[in-house]
Amino acid sequence: MRDDVIASMLLAVLEGKLLLELVGARVKDYVTGYNREYDTFKTLSLDAPMGGTDLRRIDLLEAPTPYEPENDEDEDMVMLRGAQSLWR
């Protein structure tokens, strides 16, 4: 990986796309570009089957429970949290 990033930066310097003085400041950009191109961290899909089974990662996630306001809560606070207003 290191050699590929160095080669990309050297090519950019030779092509005039990267100034030699800015090489140190732009290393992060080139590493990010390498990771995007080769997916070093192996981003996994939630819909992909897990290791030779029919089970998917998304099947293991639990659905969030809907918010149920308590009877003694202030109506203004319920609205601030994003729940539906009791006012009509």
N, C-alpha and C. Protein backbone atom coordinates (compact mmCIF):
# COMPACT_ATOMS: atom_id res chain seq x y z
N MET A 1 0.83 -1.18 0.00
CA MET A 1 0.00 0.00 0.00
C MET A 1 0.88 1.26 0.00
N ARG A 2 1.89 1.24 0.86
CA ARG A 2 2.77 2.40 0.95
C ARG A 2 3.44 2.70 -0.38
N ASP A 3 3.93 1.66 -1.05
CA ASP A 3 4.59 1.85 -2.33
C ASP A 3 3.63 2.40 -3.38
N ASP A 4 2.40 1.95 -3.37
CA ASP A 4 1.40 2.44 -4.33
C ASP A 4 1.09 3.92 -4.11
N VAL A 5 0.97 4.32 -2.84
CA VAL A 5 0.69 5.73 -2.54
C VAL A 5 1.89 6.59 -2.96
N ILE A 6 3.09 6.13 -2.66
CA ILE A 6 4.29 6.87 -3.04
C ILE A 6 4.38 6.99 -4.56
N ALA A 7 4.08 5.91 -5.26
CA ALA A 7 4.13 5.95 -6.73
C ALA A 7 3.09 6.91 -7.29
N SER A 8 1.91 6.94 -6.70
CA SER A 8 0.87 7.87 -7.17
C SER A 8 1.30 9.32 -6.96
N MET A 9 1.89 9.57 -5.81
CA MET A 9 2.34 10.94 -5.52
C MET A 9 3.51 11.33 -6.42
N LEU A 10 4.43 10.42 -6.67
CA LEU A 10 5.56 10.70 -7.56
C LEU A 10 5.07 10.99 -8.97
N LEU A 11 4.11 10.20 -9.43
CA LEU A 11 3.54 10.43 -10.76
C LEU A 11 2.87 11.81 -10.83
N ALA A 12 2.14 12.17 -9.77
CA ALA A 12 1.48 13.48 -9.75
C ALA A 12 2.51 14.61 -9.77
N VAL A 13 3.64 14.44 -9.09
CA VAL A 13 4.71 15.46 -9.12
C VAL A 13 5.29 15.56 -10.51
N LEU A 14 5.58 14.42 -11.13
CA LEU A 14 6.16 14.41 -12.48
C LEU A 14 5.21 14.99 -13.52
N GLU A 15 3.90 14.79 -13.33
CA GLU A 15 2.91 15.33 -14.26
C GLU A 15 2.60 16.79 -13.98
N GLY A 16 3.09 17.33 -12.88
CA GLY A 16 2.84 18.72 -12.54
C GLY A 16 1.53 18.95 -11.81
N LYS A 17 0.88 17.88 -11.36
CA LYS A 17 -0.38 18.01 -10.64
C LYS A 17 -0.18 18.25 -9.15
N LEU A 18 1.03 17.98 -8.65
CA LEU A 18 1.34 18.13 -7.24
C LEU A 18 2.71 18.80 -7.11
N LEU A 19 2.74 19.89 -6.38
CA LEU A 19 4.02 20.58 -6.16
C LEU A 19 4.83 19.81 -5.13
N LEU A 20 6.12 19.75 -5.34
CA LEU A 20 7.01 19.02 -4.44
C LEU A 20 6.94 19.56 -3.02
N GLU A 21 6.72 20.86 -2.87
CA GLU A 21 6.64 21.46 -1.54
C GLU A 21 5.38 21.03 -0.78
N LEU A 22 4.35 20.58 -1.49
CA LEU A 22 3.07 20.22 -0.86
C LEU A 22 2.90 18.72 -0.63
N VAL A 23 3.94 17.95 -0.91
CA VAL A 23 3.83 16.49 -0.79
C VAL A 23 3.44 16.08 0.63
N GLY A 24 4.08 16.63 1.63
CA GLY A 24 3.78 16.27 3.02
C GLY A 24 2.36 16.62 3.42
N ALA A 25 1.85 17.73 2.91
CA ALA A 25 0.51 18.18 3.27
C ALA A 25 -0.58 17.38 2.56
N ARG A 26 -0.25 16.75 1.45
CA ARG A 26 -1.27 16.04 0.66
C ARG A 26 -1.24 14.53 0.81
N VAL A 27 -0.40 14.00 1.69
CA VAL A 27 -0.31 12.55 1.87
C VAL A 27 -1.66 11.94 2.22
N LYS A 28 -2.39 12.59 3.15
CA LYS A 28 -3.68 12.06 3.58
C LYS A 28 -4.65 11.93 2.41
N ASP A 29 -4.63 12.90 1.49
CA ASP A 29 -5.52 12.84 0.32
C ASP A 29 -5.22 11.61 -0.54
N TYR A 30 -3.94 11.32 -0.73
CA TYR A 30 -3.56 10.19 -1.57
C TYR A 30 -3.84 8.85 -0.88
N VAL A 31 -3.67 8.79 0.44
CA VAL A 31 -4.01 7.56 1.17
C VAL A 31 -5.51 7.32 1.11
N THR A 32 -6.30 8.39 1.28
CA THR A 32 -7.76 8.27 1.18
C THR A 32 -8.16 7.80 -0.21
N GLY A 33 -7.54 8.34 -1.24
CA GLY A 33 -7.82 7.91 -2.60
C GLY A 33 -7.48 6.44 -2.83
N TYR A 34 -6.37 6.01 -2.27
CA TYR A 34 -6.00 4.59 -2.38
C TYR A 34 -7.04 3.71 -1.70
N ASN A 35 -7.45 4.08 -0.49
CA ASN A 35 -8.44 3.29 0.25
C ASN A 35 -9.77 3.23 -0.49
N ARG A 36 -10.16 4.31 -1.12
CA ARG A 36 -11.41 4.30 -1.89
C ARG A 36 -11.31 3.40 -3.12
N GLU A 37 -10.15 3.42 -3.75
CA GLU A 37 -9.98 2.65 -4.97
C GLU A 37 -9.90 1.14 -4.70
N TYR A 38 -9.20 0.77 -3.65
CA TYR A 38 -8.96 -0.64 -3.39
C TYR A 38 -9.76 -1.19 -2.20
N ASP A 39 -10.55 -0.35 -1.53
CA ASP A 39 -11.40 -0.76 -0.42
C ASP A 39 -10.61 -1.58 0.61
N THR A 40 -9.55 -0.99 1.11
CA THR A 40 -8.65 -1.64 2.05
C THR A 40 -9.38 -2.14 3.29
N PHE A 41 -10.38 -1.41 3.75
CA PHE A 41 -11.04 -1.77 4.99
C PHE A 41 -12.24 -2.70 4.77
N LYS A 42 -12.45 -3.14 3.55
CA LYS A 42 -13.48 -4.12 3.21
C LYS A 42 -14.85 -3.77 3.79
N THR A 43 -15.44 -2.73 3.24
CA THR A 43 -16.78 -2.34 3.64
C THR A 43 -17.74 -3.46 3.29
N LEU A 44 -18.52 -3.89 4.25
CA LEU A 44 -19.42 -5.02 4.05
C LEU A 44 -20.86 -4.54 3.91
N SER A 45 -21.60 -5.18 3.04
CA SER A 45 -23.00 -4.87 2.86
C SER A 45 -23.83 -5.58 3.92
N LEU A 46 -24.86 -4.92 4.41
CA LEU A 46 -25.76 -5.55 5.37
C LEU A 46 -26.60 -6.64 4.72
N ASP A 47 -26.76 -6.57 3.40
CA ASP A 47 -27.58 -7.56 2.69
C ASP A 47 -26.78 -8.77 2.21
N ALA A 48 -25.46 -8.72 2.33
CA ALA A 48 -24.64 -9.84 1.87
C ALA A 48 -24.76 -11.03 2.83
N PRO A 49 -24.80 -12.25 2.29
CA PRO A 49 -24.88 -13.41 3.18
C PRO A 49 -23.59 -13.57 3.99
N MET A 50 -23.74 -14.09 5.21
CA MET A 50 -22.59 -14.27 6.09
C MET A 50 -21.99 -15.66 5.92
N GLY A 51 -20.72 -15.72 5.63
CA GLY A 51 -19.91 -16.92 5.60
C GLY A 51 -20.57 -18.24 5.25
N GLY A 52 -21.08 -18.39 4.07
CA GLY A 52 -21.63 -19.66 3.63
C GLY A 52 -22.99 -20.02 4.21
N THR A 53 -23.68 -19.04 4.80
CA THR A 53 -25.02 -19.30 5.33
C THR A 53 -26.02 -18.43 4.58
N ASP A 54 -27.28 -18.66 4.83
CA ASP A 54 -28.31 -17.82 4.24
C ASP A 54 -28.62 -16.61 5.13
N LEU A 55 -27.98 -16.53 6.27
CA LEU A 55 -28.20 -15.45 7.22
C LEU A 55 -27.50 -14.18 6.76
N ARG A 56 -28.21 -13.06 6.82
CA ARG A 56 -27.64 -11.77 6.44
C ARG A 56 -27.40 -10.94 7.70
N ARG A 57 -26.46 -9.99 7.61
CA ARG A 57 -26.17 -9.13 8.77
C ARG A 57 -27.38 -8.31 9.20
N ILE A 58 -28.17 -7.89 8.24
CA ILE A 58 -29.33 -7.07 8.56
C ILE A 58 -30.36 -7.86 9.38
N ASP A 59 -30.35 -9.19 9.25
CA ASP A 59 -31.27 -10.02 10.02
C ASP A 59 -30.93 -10.00 11.51
N LEU A 60 -29.70 -9.64 11.85
CA LEU A 60 -29.26 -9.64 13.24
C LEU A 60 -29.55 -8.32 13.95
N LEU A 61 -29.97 -7.30 13.20
CA LEU A 61 -30.25 -5.99 13.80
C LEU A 61 -31.66 -5.97 14.36
N GLU A 62 -31.81 -5.31 15.47
CA GLU A 62 -33.12 -5.19 16.10
C GLU A 62 -33.75 -3.86 15.72
N ALA A 63 -35.02 -3.87 15.38
CA ALA A 63 -35.72 -2.64 15.04
C ALA A 63 -35.89 -1.78 16.30
N PRO A 64 -35.70 -0.46 16.17
CA PRO A 64 -35.86 0.39 17.35
C PRO A 64 -37.33 0.44 17.79
N THR A 65 -37.52 0.55 19.09
CA THR A 65 -38.88 0.65 19.60
C THR A 65 -39.37 2.08 19.44
N PRO A 66 -40.62 2.26 19.06
CA PRO A 66 -41.15 3.62 18.89
C PRO A 66 -41.24 4.34 20.25
N TYR A 67 -41.12 5.63 20.20
CA TYR A 67 -41.16 6.43 21.43
C TYR A 67 -42.59 6.52 21.95
N GLU A 68 -42.75 6.21 23.20
CA GLU A 68 -44.05 6.30 23.86
C GLU A 68 -43.93 7.31 25.00
N PRO A 69 -44.53 8.50 24.86
CA PRO A 69 -44.42 9.49 25.94
C PRO A 69 -45.18 9.04 27.19
N GLU A 70 -44.65 9.41 28.34
CA GLU A 70 -45.33 9.10 29.59
C GLU A 70 -46.46 10.09 29.80
N ASN A 71 -47.45 9.72 30.57
CA ASN A 71 -48.62 10.57 30.79
C ASN A 71 -48.30 11.88 31.50
N ASP A 72 -47.32 11.87 32.37
CA ASP A 72 -47.01 13.07 33.14
C ASP A 72 -45.95 13.96 32.50
N GLU A 73 -45.55 13.68 31.24
CA GLU A 73 -44.53 14.49 30.58
C GLU A 73 -45.11 15.81 30.10
N ASP A 74 -44.26 16.82 30.10
CA ASP A 74 -44.64 18.13 29.60
C ASP A 74 -44.79 18.05 28.07
N GLU A 75 -45.87 18.59 27.54
CA GLU A 75 -46.16 18.50 26.10
C GLU A 75 -45.09 19.21 25.28
N ASP A 76 -44.55 20.31 25.79
CA ASP A 76 -43.50 21.03 25.06
C ASP A 76 -42.25 20.16 24.91
N MET A 77 -41.90 19.42 25.93
CA MET A 77 -40.72 18.56 25.86
C MET A 77 -40.92 17.40 24.89
N VAL A 78 -42.13 16.90 24.82
CA VAL A 78 -42.44 15.83 23.88
C VAL A 78 -42.23 16.32 22.45
N MET A 79 -42.67 17.54 22.16
CA MET A 79 -42.50 18.11 20.82
C MET A 79 -41.02 18.32 20.51
N LEU A 80 -40.23 18.76 21.49
CA LEU A 80 -38.81 18.99 21.26
C LEU A 80 -38.07 17.70 20.95
N ARG A 81 -38.51 16.58 21.46
CA ARG A 81 -37.87 15.29 21.21
C ARG A 81 -38.28 14.70 19.86
N GLY A 82 -39.23 15.32 19.18
CA GLY A 82 -39.64 14.83 17.87
C GLY A 82 -40.88 13.97 17.88
N ALA A 83 -41.51 13.81 19.03
CA ALA A 83 -42.74 13.03 19.08
C ALA A 83 -43.89 13.90 18.58
N GLN A 84 -45.00 13.31 18.30
CA GLN A 84 -46.14 14.06 17.80
C GLN A 84 -46.74 14.90 18.91
N SER A 85 -47.25 16.04 18.53
CA SER A 85 -47.86 16.94 19.48
C SER A 85 -49.25 16.45 19.89
N LEU A 86 -49.60 16.73 21.13
CA LEU A 86 -50.94 16.40 21.61
C LEU A 86 -51.92 17.53 21.26
N TRP A 87 -51.37 18.66 20.82
CA TRP A 87 -52.23 19.80 20.48
C TRP A 87 -52.77 19.59 19.07
N ARG A 88 -53.96 20.03 18.86
CA ARG A 88 -54.55 19.88 17.52
C ARG A 88 -55.02 21.18 17.00
